[in-house]
Amino acid sequence: MIELRDLRDEDETILFQWRSEPEVDRWMSDAELPSRAAHAAWFDALRTDPDMRGWMITRSDAPMGLITLTGLGSHHRRASLHWFLGSAEARGRGVGRAAQVLGLDLAFGELGLHKVFAEVMADNDAALKAQSSAGFRREGYLRGHVLKGGEPRDVVLLGILASEWAGLREGARRALSDANLIAA
């Protein structure tokens, strides 16, 4: 089963390892790979900064990836969702979709947000498909929005409102439960 759990000290190393892999880095908006010190500061902020939260995506307790919400301090009750699958065995198996459904449950339930939005590289078909199937709607397109390897990359803006999630939640959870991806 796919679950989200709070970050632990030992997660810092595997997250740095994953973020350094070309298959993960190519979809990140960071201009370059973070230094070890910058990564450690980012990891610490995910656990201590009230403006952001991070959870390890796990399958049978094994780390598969990371999902984060940033901008939590906004009086607009919205946050930006970021996620990646570091484990190659997790890709293409519904893990990303399951993680987003669980993340949306946290965002709209425990955290009481009004909106969750995301920026996805326009050529990241797998992420766009996973987010669309989790209920995100396309809200915009930003041409040449990020520089990656010195080259401009386009970004798709996606969003979902709490009221939309309320209507999609039961069906999304049932489909994932039927596929043995999440607990009922």
N, C-alpha and C. Protein backbone atom coordinates (compact mmCIF):
# COMPACT_ATOMS: atom_id res chain seq x y z
N MET A 1 0.83 -1.19 0.00
CA MET A 1 0.00 0.00 0.00
C MET A 1 0.87 1.25 0.00
N ILE A 2 0.40 2.25 -0.72
CA ILE A 2 1.08 3.54 -0.74
C ILE A 2 0.62 4.35 0.46
N GLU A 3 1.57 4.94 1.16
CA GLU A 3 1.27 5.78 2.32
C GLU A 3 2.20 6.99 2.31
N LEU A 4 1.79 8.02 3.02
CA LEU A 4 2.64 9.18 3.27
C LEU A 4 3.00 9.16 4.74
N ARG A 5 4.27 9.36 5.04
CA ARG A 5 4.68 9.43 6.44
C ARG A 5 5.55 10.67 6.64
N ASP A 6 5.60 11.12 7.88
CA ASP A 6 6.45 12.26 8.21
C ASP A 6 7.91 11.92 7.90
N LEU A 7 8.67 12.95 7.59
CA LEU A 7 10.09 12.76 7.29
C LEU A 7 10.87 12.39 8.54
N ARG A 8 11.88 11.57 8.33
CA ARG A 8 12.78 11.13 9.40
C ARG A 8 14.20 11.57 9.07
N ASP A 9 15.05 11.62 10.08
CA ASP A 9 16.44 12.03 9.87
C ASP A 9 17.10 11.25 8.73
N GLU A 10 16.88 9.95 8.70
CA GLU A 10 17.55 9.11 7.71
C GLU A 10 17.08 9.36 6.28
N ASP A 11 15.97 10.07 6.10
CA ASP A 11 15.47 10.36 4.75
C ASP A 11 16.32 11.39 4.02
N GLU A 12 17.06 12.20 4.77
CA GLU A 12 17.85 13.27 4.14
C GLU A 12 18.83 12.71 3.12
N THR A 13 19.47 11.61 3.43
CA THR A 13 20.48 11.04 2.53
C THR A 13 19.86 10.51 1.25
N ILE A 14 18.79 9.75 1.36
CA ILE A 14 18.19 9.18 0.14
C ILE A 14 17.56 10.27 -0.72
N LEU A 15 17.01 11.30 -0.10
CA LEU A 15 16.44 12.40 -0.88
C LEU A 15 17.54 13.12 -1.66
N PHE A 16 18.70 13.32 -1.05
CA PHE A 16 19.82 13.95 -1.77
C PHE A 16 20.25 13.07 -2.93
N GLN A 17 20.32 11.79 -2.67
CA GLN A 17 20.71 10.83 -3.72
C GLN A 17 19.73 10.90 -4.88
N TRP A 18 18.43 10.86 -4.59
CA TRP A 18 17.42 10.92 -5.64
C TRP A 18 17.48 12.24 -6.40
N ARG A 19 17.58 13.35 -5.68
CA ARG A 19 17.59 14.66 -6.34
C ARG A 19 18.82 14.83 -7.24
N SER A 20 19.85 14.04 -7.01
CA SER A 20 21.07 14.10 -7.81
C SER A 20 21.00 13.23 -9.05
N GLU A 21 19.98 12.40 -9.17
CA GLU A 21 19.86 11.51 -10.32
C GLU A 21 19.29 12.27 -11.52
N PRO A 22 19.89 12.09 -12.70
CA PRO A 22 19.42 12.80 -13.90
C PRO A 22 17.93 12.61 -14.19
N GLU A 23 17.39 11.42 -13.98
CA GLU A 23 15.98 11.17 -14.28
C GLU A 23 15.05 11.95 -13.36
N VAL A 24 15.47 12.25 -12.16
CA VAL A 24 14.68 13.08 -11.25
C VAL A 24 14.96 14.56 -11.52
N ASP A 25 16.23 14.90 -11.62
CA ASP A 25 16.62 16.31 -11.79
C ASP A 25 16.04 16.94 -13.05
N ARG A 26 15.88 16.18 -14.11
CA ARG A 26 15.40 16.77 -15.37
C ARG A 26 14.03 17.40 -15.24
N TRP A 27 13.25 16.97 -14.24
CA TRP A 27 11.90 17.52 -14.07
C TRP A 27 11.82 18.56 -12.96
N MET A 28 12.92 18.79 -12.26
CA MET A 28 12.95 19.79 -11.18
C MET A 28 13.17 21.18 -11.76
N SER A 29 12.61 22.18 -11.12
CA SER A 29 12.78 23.55 -11.61
C SER A 29 14.08 24.19 -11.12
N ASP A 30 14.81 23.51 -10.25
CA ASP A 30 16.11 24.04 -9.80
C ASP A 30 17.01 24.21 -11.02
N ALA A 31 17.74 25.32 -11.08
CA ALA A 31 18.63 25.57 -12.20
C ALA A 31 19.77 24.55 -12.25
N GLU A 32 20.22 24.13 -11.08
CA GLU A 32 21.30 23.16 -11.00
C GLU A 32 21.10 22.29 -9.77
N LEU A 33 21.84 21.22 -9.71
CA LEU A 33 21.74 20.33 -8.56
C LEU A 33 22.14 21.07 -7.30
N PRO A 34 21.42 20.85 -6.20
CA PRO A 34 21.78 21.54 -4.96
C PRO A 34 23.06 20.96 -4.37
N SER A 35 23.81 21.82 -3.70
CA SER A 35 24.98 21.34 -2.95
C SER A 35 24.47 20.53 -1.77
N ARG A 36 25.36 19.78 -1.16
CA ARG A 36 24.98 18.99 0.01
C ARG A 36 24.47 19.91 1.13
N ALA A 37 25.12 21.06 1.32
CA ALA A 37 24.71 22.00 2.37
C ALA A 37 23.34 22.61 2.05
N ALA A 38 23.12 22.98 0.79
CA ALA A 38 21.82 23.56 0.41
C ALA A 38 20.72 22.52 0.57
N HIS A 39 21.01 21.29 0.21
CA HIS A 39 20.02 20.22 0.38
C HIS A 39 19.69 20.01 1.85
N ALA A 40 20.71 19.99 2.71
CA ALA A 40 20.49 19.79 4.15
C ALA A 40 19.63 20.92 4.72
N ALA A 41 19.86 22.15 4.28
CA ALA A 41 19.05 23.28 4.76
C ALA A 41 17.61 23.15 4.29
N TRP A 42 17.42 22.74 3.04
CA TRP A 42 16.07 22.53 2.49
C TRP A 42 15.35 21.42 3.26
N PHE A 43 16.05 20.33 3.52
CA PHE A 43 15.46 19.21 4.25
C PHE A 43 15.05 19.65 5.66
N ASP A 44 15.91 20.40 6.31
CA ASP A 44 15.60 20.90 7.65
C ASP A 44 14.37 21.80 7.62
N ALA A 45 14.28 22.66 6.60
CA ALA A 45 13.13 23.56 6.47
C ALA A 45 11.83 22.78 6.29
N LEU A 46 11.88 21.67 5.54
CA LEU A 46 10.68 20.85 5.35
C LEU A 46 10.13 20.33 6.67
N ARG A 47 10.99 20.21 7.66
CA ARG A 47 10.58 19.67 8.95
C ARG A 47 10.32 20.73 10.01
N THR A 48 10.79 21.96 9.78
CA THR A 48 10.69 22.97 10.83
C THR A 48 9.98 24.26 10.41
N ASP A 49 9.99 24.59 9.14
CA ASP A 49 9.39 25.84 8.66
C ASP A 49 7.87 25.67 8.58
N PRO A 50 7.10 26.49 9.30
CA PRO A 50 5.64 26.34 9.27
C PRO A 50 5.02 26.65 7.91
N ASP A 51 5.81 27.22 7.00
CA ASP A 51 5.31 27.55 5.67
C ASP A 51 5.37 26.36 4.71
N MET A 52 5.99 25.26 5.14
CA MET A 52 6.10 24.10 4.25
C MET A 52 6.03 22.79 5.04
N ARG A 53 5.58 21.76 4.33
CA ARG A 53 5.52 20.40 4.92
C ARG A 53 5.97 19.41 3.86
N GLY A 54 6.58 18.34 4.31
CA GLY A 54 7.01 17.29 3.40
C GLY A 54 6.71 15.92 3.99
N TRP A 55 6.38 14.98 3.12
CA TRP A 55 6.10 13.60 3.53
C TRP A 55 6.82 12.66 2.58
N MET A 56 7.34 11.59 3.12
CA MET A 56 7.93 10.54 2.31
C MET A 56 6.80 9.69 1.75
N ILE A 57 6.86 9.42 0.46
CA ILE A 57 5.93 8.50 -0.19
C ILE A 57 6.53 7.10 0.01
N THR A 58 5.76 6.20 0.61
CA THR A 58 6.26 4.85 0.86
C THR A 58 5.32 3.79 0.29
N ARG A 59 5.90 2.65 -0.01
CA ARG A 59 5.13 1.46 -0.39
C ARG A 59 5.67 0.33 0.47
N SER A 60 4.80 -0.25 1.29
CA SER A 60 5.23 -1.29 2.23
C SER A 60 6.43 -0.81 3.05
N ASP A 61 6.36 0.42 3.52
CA ASP A 61 7.37 1.07 4.35
C ASP A 61 8.66 1.43 3.62
N ALA A 62 8.81 1.06 2.34
CA ALA A 62 10.02 1.40 1.58
C ALA A 62 9.85 2.78 0.93
N PRO A 63 10.83 3.67 1.07
CA PRO A 63 10.74 5.00 0.46
C PRO A 63 10.65 4.92 -1.06
N MET A 64 9.72 5.67 -1.62
CA MET A 64 9.50 5.71 -3.06
C MET A 64 9.69 7.11 -3.64
N GLY A 65 9.44 8.14 -2.82
CA GLY A 65 9.53 9.51 -3.32
C GLY A 65 9.15 10.50 -2.24
N LEU A 66 8.90 11.72 -2.67
CA LEU A 66 8.61 12.81 -1.75
C LEU A 66 7.46 13.64 -2.29
N ILE A 67 6.60 14.12 -1.39
CA ILE A 67 5.55 15.07 -1.74
C ILE A 67 5.62 16.21 -0.73
N THR A 68 5.53 17.45 -1.23
CA THR A 68 5.61 18.61 -0.36
C THR A 68 4.50 19.61 -0.67
N LEU A 69 4.17 20.39 0.31
CA LEU A 69 3.29 21.55 0.16
C LEU A 69 4.05 22.75 0.67
N THR A 70 4.13 23.80 -0.15
CA THR A 70 4.83 25.02 0.26
C THR A 70 3.89 26.22 0.13
N GLY A 71 4.21 27.27 0.85
CA GLY A 71 3.37 28.45 0.85
C GLY A 71 2.19 28.33 1.80
N LEU A 72 2.33 27.48 2.81
CA LEU A 72 1.23 27.21 3.73
C LEU A 72 0.83 28.41 4.59
N GLY A 73 1.70 29.40 4.69
CA GLY A 73 1.40 30.57 5.51
C GLY A 73 0.50 31.59 4.83
N SER A 74 0.12 31.34 3.60
CA SER A 74 -0.70 32.29 2.85
C SER A 74 -2.07 32.46 3.50
N HIS A 75 -2.50 33.71 3.64
CA HIS A 75 -3.85 33.94 4.18
C HIS A 75 -4.92 33.52 3.17
N HIS A 76 -4.51 33.19 1.95
CA HIS A 76 -5.44 32.72 0.92
C HIS A 76 -5.79 31.24 1.08
N ARG A 77 -5.14 30.57 2.04
CA ARG A 77 -5.35 29.14 2.29
C ARG A 77 -5.09 28.31 1.03
N ARG A 78 -3.96 28.57 0.42
CA ARG A 78 -3.53 27.81 -0.75
C ARG A 78 -2.08 27.39 -0.56
N ALA A 79 -1.68 26.38 -1.31
CA ALA A 79 -0.29 25.92 -1.24
C ALA A 79 0.10 25.32 -2.57
N SER A 80 1.39 25.30 -2.81
CA SER A 80 1.95 24.71 -4.01
C SER A 80 2.39 23.28 -3.71
N LEU A 81 1.95 22.35 -4.53
CA LEU A 81 2.29 20.94 -4.36
C LEU A 81 3.46 20.59 -5.27
N HIS A 82 4.42 19.88 -4.72
CA HIS A 82 5.58 19.39 -5.47
C HIS A 82 5.75 17.92 -5.12
N TRP A 83 6.14 17.12 -6.08
CA TRP A 83 6.36 15.71 -5.78
C TRP A 83 7.32 15.13 -6.80
N PHE A 84 7.97 14.06 -6.40
CA PHE A 84 8.77 13.28 -7.33
C PHE A 84 8.90 11.86 -6.81
N LEU A 85 9.10 10.96 -7.74
CA LEU A 85 9.36 9.56 -7.40
C LEU A 85 10.84 9.31 -7.63
N GLY A 86 11.56 9.00 -6.58
CA GLY A 86 12.98 8.74 -6.68
C GLY A 86 13.28 7.30 -7.03
N SER A 87 12.44 6.41 -6.55
CA SER A 87 12.63 4.98 -6.80
C SER A 87 12.13 4.64 -8.21
N ALA A 88 13.02 4.12 -9.04
CA ALA A 88 12.64 3.77 -10.41
C ALA A 88 11.52 2.74 -10.43
N GLU A 89 11.48 1.85 -9.44
CA GLU A 89 10.44 0.82 -9.42
C GLU A 89 9.05 1.39 -9.12
N ALA A 90 8.99 2.63 -8.68
CA ALA A 90 7.69 3.26 -8.38
C ALA A 90 7.06 3.90 -9.61
N ARG A 91 7.86 4.21 -10.60
CA ARG A 91 7.38 4.96 -11.76
C ARG A 91 6.51 4.10 -12.67
N GLY A 92 5.42 4.72 -13.16
CA GLY A 92 4.53 4.03 -14.09
C GLY A 92 3.63 3.00 -13.46
N ARG A 93 3.47 3.04 -12.15
CA ARG A 93 2.67 2.04 -11.45
C ARG A 93 1.55 2.64 -10.60
N GLY A 94 1.23 3.91 -10.83
CA GLY A 94 0.15 4.55 -10.09
C GLY A 94 0.57 5.13 -8.75
N VAL A 95 1.85 5.05 -8.42
CA VAL A 95 2.32 5.55 -7.13
C VAL A 95 2.18 7.07 -7.05
N GLY A 96 2.51 7.77 -8.13
CA GLY A 96 2.38 9.22 -8.14
C GLY A 96 0.95 9.68 -7.96
N ARG A 97 0.04 9.03 -8.65
CA ARG A 97 -1.38 9.38 -8.51
C ARG A 97 -1.84 9.11 -7.08
N ALA A 98 -1.47 7.95 -6.53
CA ALA A 98 -1.87 7.61 -5.16
C ALA A 98 -1.31 8.64 -4.18
N ALA A 99 -0.05 9.02 -4.35
CA ALA A 99 0.56 9.99 -3.45
C ALA A 99 -0.17 11.33 -3.51
N GLN A 100 -0.57 11.72 -4.70
CA GLN A 100 -1.29 13.00 -4.82
C GLN A 100 -2.66 12.94 -4.17
N VAL A 101 -3.36 11.83 -4.33
CA VAL A 101 -4.67 11.68 -3.68
C VAL A 101 -4.50 11.77 -2.17
N LEU A 102 -3.51 11.08 -1.64
CA LEU A 102 -3.25 11.15 -0.19
C LEU A 102 -2.83 12.56 0.22
N GLY A 103 -2.02 13.20 -0.61
CA GLY A 103 -1.59 14.57 -0.33
C GLY A 103 -2.75 15.55 -0.36
N LEU A 104 -3.68 15.37 -1.30
CA LEU A 104 -4.85 16.25 -1.36
C LEU A 104 -5.74 16.03 -0.14
N ASP A 105 -5.85 14.80 0.31
CA ASP A 105 -6.60 14.54 1.55
C ASP A 105 -6.01 15.33 2.72
N LEU A 106 -4.68 15.33 2.84
CA LEU A 106 -4.02 16.09 3.90
C LEU A 106 -4.23 17.60 3.71
N ALA A 107 -4.07 18.05 2.48
CA ALA A 107 -4.18 19.49 2.20
C ALA A 107 -5.57 20.03 2.52
N PHE A 108 -6.59 19.33 2.05
CA PHE A 108 -7.95 19.83 2.22
C PHE A 108 -8.59 19.38 3.53
N GLY A 109 -8.06 18.33 4.13
CA GLY A 109 -8.57 17.85 5.41
C GLY A 109 -7.82 18.48 6.57
N GLU A 110 -6.74 17.85 6.97
CA GLU A 110 -5.96 18.28 8.13
C GLU A 110 -5.51 19.74 8.05
N LEU A 111 -5.07 20.19 6.87
CA LEU A 111 -4.53 21.55 6.74
C LEU A 111 -5.58 22.60 6.40
N GLY A 112 -6.77 22.18 6.00
CA GLY A 112 -7.87 23.10 5.74
C GLY A 112 -7.64 24.09 4.62
N LEU A 113 -6.91 23.68 3.58
CA LEU A 113 -6.64 24.59 2.47
C LEU A 113 -7.87 24.77 1.58
N HIS A 114 -7.88 25.88 0.85
CA HIS A 114 -8.93 26.18 -0.12
C HIS A 114 -8.51 25.73 -1.52
N LYS A 115 -7.20 25.82 -1.81
CA LYS A 115 -6.69 25.50 -3.15
C LYS A 115 -5.30 24.89 -3.06
N VAL A 116 -5.03 23.96 -3.97
CA VAL A 116 -3.69 23.41 -4.16
C VAL A 116 -3.35 23.62 -5.63
N PHE A 117 -2.15 24.11 -5.89
CA PHE A 117 -1.73 24.32 -7.27
C PHE A 117 -0.35 23.72 -7.49
N ALA A 118 0.00 23.56 -8.76
CA ALA A 118 1.29 22.96 -9.11
C ALA A 118 1.80 23.56 -10.40
N GLU A 119 3.11 23.55 -10.55
CA GLU A 119 3.78 23.92 -11.79
C GLU A 119 4.52 22.68 -12.27
N VAL A 120 4.22 22.25 -13.50
CA VAL A 120 4.80 21.02 -14.04
C VAL A 120 5.45 21.33 -15.39
N MET A 121 6.65 20.80 -15.60
CA MET A 121 7.30 20.97 -16.89
C MET A 121 6.34 20.48 -17.98
N ALA A 122 6.19 21.27 -19.04
CA ALA A 122 5.19 20.98 -20.07
C ALA A 122 5.44 19.66 -20.79
N ASP A 123 6.67 19.17 -20.80
CA ASP A 123 6.96 17.91 -21.48
C ASP A 123 7.01 16.72 -20.52
N ASN A 124 6.59 16.91 -19.28
CA ASN A 124 6.57 15.82 -18.30
C ASN A 124 5.20 15.14 -18.37
N ASP A 125 5.02 14.33 -19.40
CA ASP A 125 3.73 13.69 -19.66
C ASP A 125 3.25 12.84 -18.50
N ALA A 126 4.15 12.11 -17.85
CA ALA A 126 3.74 11.22 -16.75
C ALA A 126 3.17 12.03 -15.59
N ALA A 127 3.83 13.12 -15.22
CA ALA A 127 3.34 13.94 -14.11
C ALA A 127 2.03 14.62 -14.47
N LEU A 128 1.92 15.12 -15.69
CA LEU A 128 0.68 15.78 -16.12
C LEU A 128 -0.48 14.78 -16.09
N LYS A 129 -0.23 13.56 -16.53
CA LYS A 129 -1.27 12.52 -16.51
C LYS A 129 -1.67 12.19 -15.07
N ALA A 130 -0.68 12.02 -14.20
CA ALA A 130 -0.97 11.68 -12.80
C ALA A 130 -1.76 12.79 -12.13
N GLN A 131 -1.38 14.03 -12.38
CA GLN A 131 -2.08 15.13 -11.72
C GLN A 131 -3.47 15.33 -12.29
N SER A 132 -3.62 15.14 -13.58
CA SER A 132 -4.95 15.23 -14.17
C SER A 132 -5.87 14.14 -13.62
N SER A 133 -5.35 12.93 -13.49
CA SER A 133 -6.18 11.84 -12.98
C SER A 133 -6.50 12.01 -11.49
N ALA A 134 -5.70 12.82 -10.78
CA ALA A 134 -6.00 13.11 -9.38
C ALA A 134 -6.98 14.26 -9.23
N GLY A 135 -7.34 14.90 -10.35
CA GLY A 135 -8.35 15.96 -10.32
C GLY A 135 -7.86 17.36 -10.60
N PHE A 136 -6.56 17.53 -10.80
CA PHE A 136 -6.04 18.86 -11.12
C PHE A 136 -6.54 19.30 -12.50
N ARG A 137 -6.82 20.59 -12.63
CA ARG A 137 -7.22 21.18 -13.91
C ARG A 137 -6.12 22.12 -14.40
N ARG A 138 -5.97 22.17 -15.70
CA ARG A 138 -5.01 23.10 -16.29
C ARG A 138 -5.52 24.53 -16.12
N GLU A 139 -4.68 25.40 -15.58
CA GLU A 139 -5.06 26.80 -15.35
C GLU A 139 -4.22 27.78 -16.16
N GLY A 140 -3.13 27.32 -16.73
CA GLY A 140 -2.31 28.24 -17.51
C GLY A 140 -1.08 27.56 -18.09
N TYR A 141 -0.39 28.32 -18.92
CA TYR A 141 0.81 27.83 -19.59
C TYR A 141 1.83 28.96 -19.60
N LEU A 142 3.00 28.70 -19.05
CA LEU A 142 4.05 29.72 -18.96
C LEU A 142 5.20 29.35 -19.90
N ARG A 143 5.36 30.12 -20.95
CA ARG A 143 6.40 29.85 -21.94
C ARG A 143 7.76 30.28 -21.41
N GLY A 144 8.76 29.41 -21.59
CA GLY A 144 10.13 29.72 -21.17
C GLY A 144 10.24 30.14 -19.72
N HIS A 145 9.45 29.54 -18.86
CA HIS A 145 9.31 29.98 -17.47
C HIS A 145 10.51 29.63 -16.58
N VAL A 146 11.15 28.51 -16.85
CA VAL A 146 12.33 28.11 -16.07
C VAL A 146 13.50 27.83 -17.00
N LEU A 147 14.69 28.04 -16.49
CA LEU A 147 15.89 27.69 -17.24
C LEU A 147 16.45 26.41 -16.64
N LYS A 148 16.62 25.43 -17.48
CA LYS A 148 17.16 24.14 -17.05
C LYS A 148 18.32 23.81 -17.98
N GLY A 149 19.49 23.67 -17.41
CA GLY A 149 20.67 23.45 -18.25
C GLY A 149 20.90 24.61 -19.20
N GLY A 150 20.50 25.81 -18.77
CA GLY A 150 20.66 26.99 -19.60
C GLY A 150 19.61 27.16 -20.68
N GLU A 151 18.70 26.21 -20.79
CA GLU A 151 17.66 26.25 -21.82
C GLU A 151 16.31 26.59 -21.21
N PRO A 152 15.53 27.47 -21.87
CA PRO A 152 14.19 27.79 -21.35
C PRO A 152 13.25 26.60 -21.49
N ARG A 153 12.45 26.38 -20.45
CA ARG A 153 11.47 25.28 -20.46
C ARG A 153 10.10 25.85 -20.14
N ASP A 154 9.10 25.33 -20.82
CA ASP A 154 7.72 25.74 -20.58
C ASP A 154 7.16 24.99 -19.38
N VAL A 155 6.19 25.63 -18.72
CA VAL A 155 5.58 25.07 -17.51
C VAL A 155 4.07 25.16 -17.63
N VAL A 156 3.39 24.11 -17.21
CA VAL A 156 1.92 24.08 -17.15
C VAL A 156 1.51 24.35 -15.71
N LEU A 157 0.56 25.26 -15.54
CA LEU A 157 -0.01 25.55 -14.22
C LEU A 157 -1.26 24.70 -14.04
N LEU A 158 -1.35 24.03 -12.91
CA LEU A 158 -2.49 23.18 -12.59
C LEU A 158 -3.04 23.58 -11.23
N GLY A 159 -4.31 23.34 -11.01
CA GLY A 159 -4.89 23.65 -9.72
C GLY A 159 -6.13 22.82 -9.44
N ILE A 160 -6.45 22.72 -8.16
CA ILE A 160 -7.67 22.05 -7.72
C ILE A 160 -8.17 22.76 -6.47
N LEU A 161 -9.47 22.97 -6.40
CA LEU A 161 -10.10 23.62 -5.25
C LEU A 161 -10.64 22.57 -4.29
N ALA A 162 -10.78 22.96 -3.04
CA ALA A 162 -11.34 22.05 -2.02
C ALA A 162 -12.73 21.58 -2.44
N SER A 163 -13.53 22.47 -3.01
CA SER A 163 -14.89 22.09 -3.42
C SER A 163 -14.86 21.06 -4.54
N GLU A 164 -13.88 21.14 -5.44
CA GLU A 164 -13.75 20.15 -6.51
C GLU A 164 -13.29 18.81 -5.92
N TRP A 165 -12.32 18.87 -5.01
CA TRP A 165 -11.82 17.65 -4.39
C TRP A 165 -12.93 16.92 -3.63
N ALA A 166 -13.81 17.68 -2.99
CA ALA A 166 -14.91 17.06 -2.24
C ALA A 166 -15.75 16.17 -3.14
N GLY A 167 -15.94 16.58 -4.39
CA GLY A 167 -16.73 15.78 -5.33
C GLY A 167 -15.96 14.64 -5.96
N LEU A 168 -14.65 14.70 -5.96
CA LEU A 168 -13.81 13.69 -6.61
C LEU A 168 -13.22 12.68 -5.63
N ARG A 169 -13.12 13.06 -4.37
CA ARG A 169 -12.38 12.30 -3.37
C ARG A 169 -12.81 10.84 -3.28
N GLU A 170 -14.09 10.61 -3.08
CA GLU A 170 -14.56 9.24 -2.87
C GLU A 170 -14.23 8.34 -4.06
N GLY A 171 -14.49 8.80 -5.27
CA GLY A 171 -14.20 8.00 -6.46
C GLY A 171 -12.72 7.76 -6.65
N ALA A 172 -11.91 8.78 -6.39
CA ALA A 172 -10.45 8.65 -6.53
C ALA A 172 -9.91 7.64 -5.53
N ARG A 173 -10.35 7.73 -4.30
CA ARG A 173 -9.89 6.80 -3.27
C ARG A 173 -10.36 5.37 -3.56
N ARG A 174 -11.61 5.22 -4.01
CA ARG A 174 -12.13 3.89 -4.31
C ARG A 174 -11.34 3.24 -5.45
N ALA A 175 -11.05 4.00 -6.51
CA ALA A 175 -10.29 3.45 -7.64
C ALA A 175 -8.90 2.99 -7.19
N LEU A 176 -8.26 3.77 -6.35
CA LEU A 176 -6.93 3.39 -5.87
C LEU A 176 -6.99 2.21 -4.90
N SER A 177 -8.03 2.17 -4.09
CA SER A 177 -8.22 1.05 -3.18
C SER A 177 -8.49 -0.24 -3.96
N ASP A 178 -9.33 -0.14 -4.98
CA ASP A 178 -9.63 -1.31 -5.82
C ASP A 178 -8.38 -1.83 -6.53
N ALA A 179 -7.45 -0.93 -6.82
CA ALA A 179 -6.19 -1.31 -7.47
C ALA A 179 -5.13 -1.72 -6.45
N ASN A 180 -5.53 -1.83 -5.18
CA ASN A 180 -4.62 -2.19 -4.09
C ASN A 180 -3.44 -1.24 -3.95
N LEU A 181 -3.69 0.05 -4.22
CA LEU A 181 -2.64 1.05 -4.07
C LEU A 181 -2.72 1.78 -2.74
N ILE A 182 -3.94 1.98 -2.22
CA ILE A 182 -4.10 2.63 -0.92
C ILE A 182 -5.12 1.84 -0.10
N ALA A 183 -5.09 2.05 1.20
CA ALA A 183 -6.07 1.41 2.09
C ALA A 183 -7.44 2.04 1.85
N ALA A 184 -8.47 1.26 2.04
CA ALA A 184 -9.84 1.75 1.82
C ALA A 184 -10.21 2.87 2.76
